[in-house]
Amino acid sequence: MTFGLDTNIVCYMLDPAFPEHMAVDRLLRSLSPESVGAINPTILHESYHTLVYAQNWNREDARKTLGSFLRHPFVEFFNQTKAISVTAMNLAGKYGLGGRDSLILANFVANRVPKVHTHDSALLKLGQIEWRGMTTRITDPIAESKYE
């Protein structure tokens, strides 16, 4: 199964300085042919921004780490398209989402990703989104790890 990774989860995975790192480390280690993580350009660039500007990483270290993550054999990268951007605007209106969140979710819906992992409380309140017969659940792997 392929699952989406929101920016905060990617950053928690890659930076041990986050208190949430240990809670998502199992998710990173679980990547396999049966468990594929997916990201898109919005997530990649938000992750770079967070690591460099909020976590004070060296730019080259952030570039190398994110590049390695992209090359992971069980991390899928979905491109953005004009159709995804149009879907994002529709999702923004339907669910009251901001531009970046709607782009992230539209990309996953367009690529038929059934679940997105996030720690974003606004997205978690939605629980799921539906678009043209596709339902994508929104879950918090940090909350889930507390029950394992």
Protein backbone atom coordinates (compact mmCIF):
# COMPACT_ATOMS: atom_id res chain seq x y z
CA MET A 1 0.00 0.00 0.00
CA THR A 2 1.15 3.53 -0.75
CA PHE A 3 0.60 6.21 1.89
CA GLY A 4 1.21 9.94 1.72
CA LEU A 5 3.64 11.71 4.01
CA ASP A 6 2.90 15.30 5.01
CA THR A 7 5.74 17.78 5.49
CA ASN A 8 5.77 17.54 9.28
CA ILE A 9 6.13 13.74 9.16
CA VAL A 10 9.00 13.94 6.64
CA CYS A 11 10.79 16.50 8.83
CA TYR A 12 10.25 14.43 11.97
CA MET A 13 11.64 11.38 10.15
CA LEU A 14 14.77 13.17 8.97
CA ASP A 15 15.65 15.33 11.97
CA PRO A 16 16.32 13.58 15.31
CA ALA A 17 16.10 16.99 17.03
CA PHE A 18 12.30 16.83 16.80
CA PRO A 19 10.70 15.26 19.89
CA GLU A 20 8.38 13.41 17.47
CA HIS A 21 11.31 11.73 15.71
CA MET A 22 11.13 8.49 17.69
CA ALA A 23 7.38 8.19 17.14
CA VAL A 24 7.80 8.22 13.35
CA ASP A 25 11.11 6.36 13.14
CA ARG A 26 9.22 3.05 12.88
CA LEU A 27 7.34 4.46 9.89
CA LEU A 28 10.61 5.22 8.13
CA ARG A 29 11.98 1.77 8.96
CA SER A 30 8.76 0.12 7.73
CA LEU A 31 9.18 1.35 4.14
CA SER A 32 9.16 -1.68 1.85
CA PRO A 33 7.60 -2.89 -1.42
CA GLU A 34 4.38 -3.41 0.56
CA SER A 35 4.60 -0.07 2.40
CA VAL A 36 5.58 2.81 0.12
CA GLY A 37 5.72 6.41 1.30
CA ALA A 38 4.79 9.16 -1.16
CA ILE A 39 5.60 12.85 -1.35
CA ASN A 40 5.17 15.61 -3.92
CA PRO A 41 6.88 18.92 -4.81
CA THR A 42 4.99 20.93 -2.19
CA ILE A 43 6.12 18.55 0.57
CA LEU A 44 9.70 18.45 -0.69
CA HIS A 45 10.03 22.23 -0.73
CA GLU A 46 8.22 22.76 2.57
CA SER A 47 10.54 20.17 4.15
CA TYR A 48 13.62 21.96 2.83
CA HIS A 49 12.27 25.26 4.16
CA THR A 50 11.52 23.79 7.59
CA LEU A 51 14.87 22.05 7.94
CA VAL A 52 16.88 25.11 6.84
CA TYR A 53 14.91 27.99 8.34
CA ALA A 54 13.17 26.49 11.38
CA GLN A 55 15.67 23.78 12.33
CA ASN A 56 18.76 25.77 11.25
CA TRP A 57 20.21 23.03 9.07
CA ASN A 58 23.02 23.85 6.69
CA ARG A 59 21.51 24.21 3.19
CA GLU A 60 23.81 21.60 1.69
CA ASP A 61 23.00 19.10 4.45
CA ALA A 62 19.28 19.63 3.84
CA ARG A 63 19.75 19.20 0.09
CA LYS A 64 21.75 16.00 0.53
CA THR A 65 19.41 14.50 3.13
CA LEU A 66 16.27 15.25 1.11
CA GLY A 67 18.01 13.98 -2.03
CA SER A 68 18.79 10.70 -0.27
CA PHE A 69 15.19 10.48 0.91
CA LEU A 70 13.98 10.99 -2.68
CA ARG A 71 16.26 8.19 -3.87
CA HIS A 72 14.96 5.76 -1.24
CA PRO A 73 13.62 2.79 -3.22
CA PHE A 74 10.31 2.86 -1.35
CA VAL A 75 9.59 6.58 -1.52
CA GLU A 76 7.40 7.59 -4.46
CA PHE A 77 7.48 11.12 -5.87
CA PHE A 78 4.31 12.41 -7.55
CA ASN A 79 4.58 15.43 -9.84
CA GLN A 80 2.13 18.33 -9.79
CA THR A 81 0.03 18.98 -12.88
CA LYS A 82 -2.45 21.59 -14.02
CA ALA A 83 -5.28 19.11 -13.32
CA ILE A 84 -3.99 18.59 -9.76
CA SER A 85 -3.88 22.36 -9.26
CA VAL A 86 -7.51 22.65 -10.41
CA THR A 87 -8.50 19.80 -8.07
CA ALA A 88 -6.64 21.59 -5.26
CA MET A 89 -8.72 24.72 -5.75
CA ASN A 90 -11.89 22.63 -5.65
CA LEU A 91 -10.76 20.84 -2.47
CA ALA A 92 -9.84 24.19 -0.91
CA GLY A 93 -13.38 25.41 -1.46
CA LYS A 94 -15.07 22.18 -0.42
CA TYR A 95 -13.05 21.64 2.77
CA GLY A 96 -11.91 25.17 3.67
CA LEU A 97 -8.25 24.35 3.08
CA GLY A 98 -5.33 26.67 2.46
CA GLY A 99 -3.41 26.57 -0.79
CA ARG A 100 -0.53 24.33 0.25
CA ASP A 101 -2.69 21.83 2.13
CA SER A 102 -5.10 21.61 -0.79
CA LEU A 103 -2.21 21.03 -3.23
CA ILE A 104 -0.77 18.28 -1.05
CA LEU A 105 -4.10 16.49 -0.66
CA ALA A 106 -5.14 16.96 -4.31
CA ASN A 107 -1.90 15.35 -5.40
CA PHE A 108 -2.53 12.31 -3.23
CA VAL A 109 -6.18 12.01 -4.28
CA ALA A 110 -5.21 12.29 -7.96
CA ASN A 111 -2.68 9.51 -7.47
CA ARG A 112 -5.23 7.34 -5.62
CA VAL A 113 -3.35 7.31 -2.31
CA PRO A 114 -5.75 5.91 0.32
CA LYS A 115 -4.06 7.33 3.43
CA VAL A 116 -2.01 10.40 4.36
CA HIS A 117 0.06 10.60 7.54
CA THR A 118 0.21 14.03 9.15
CA HIS A 119 0.53 15.69 12.54
CA ASP A 120 -1.36 18.79 11.36
CA SER A 121 -4.38 19.28 13.63
CA ALA A 122 -6.41 21.13 10.97
CA LEU A 123 -6.02 18.25 8.51
CA LEU A 124 -6.63 15.64 11.20
CA LYS A 125 -9.97 17.28 12.05
CA LEU A 126 -11.12 16.47 8.51
CA GLY A 127 -10.50 12.75 9.07
CA GLN A 128 -10.79 12.10 5.35
CA ILE A 129 -11.42 13.82 2.06
CA GLU A 130 -13.44 12.61 -0.90
CA TRP A 131 -13.09 13.59 -4.52
CA ARG A 132 -14.69 11.96 -7.54
CA GLY A 133 -15.13 8.59 -5.90
CA MET A 134 -11.74 8.55 -4.18
CA THR A 135 -11.55 8.69 -0.40
CA THR A 136 -8.26 9.47 1.32
CA ARG A 137 -8.06 8.98 5.08
CA ILE A 138 -5.97 11.40 7.14
CA THR A 139 -4.20 9.82 10.11
CA ASP A 140 -1.66 10.74 12.78
CA PRO A 141 1.14 8.16 13.08
CA ILE A 142 2.32 9.81 16.29
CA ALA A 143 -1.01 9.24 18.02
CA GLU A 144 -1.12 5.72 16.55
CA SER A 145 2.36 4.91 17.92
CA LYS A 146 1.17 5.66 21.46
CA TYR A 147 -1.19 2.69 21.25
CA GLU A 148 1.32 0.14 19.96
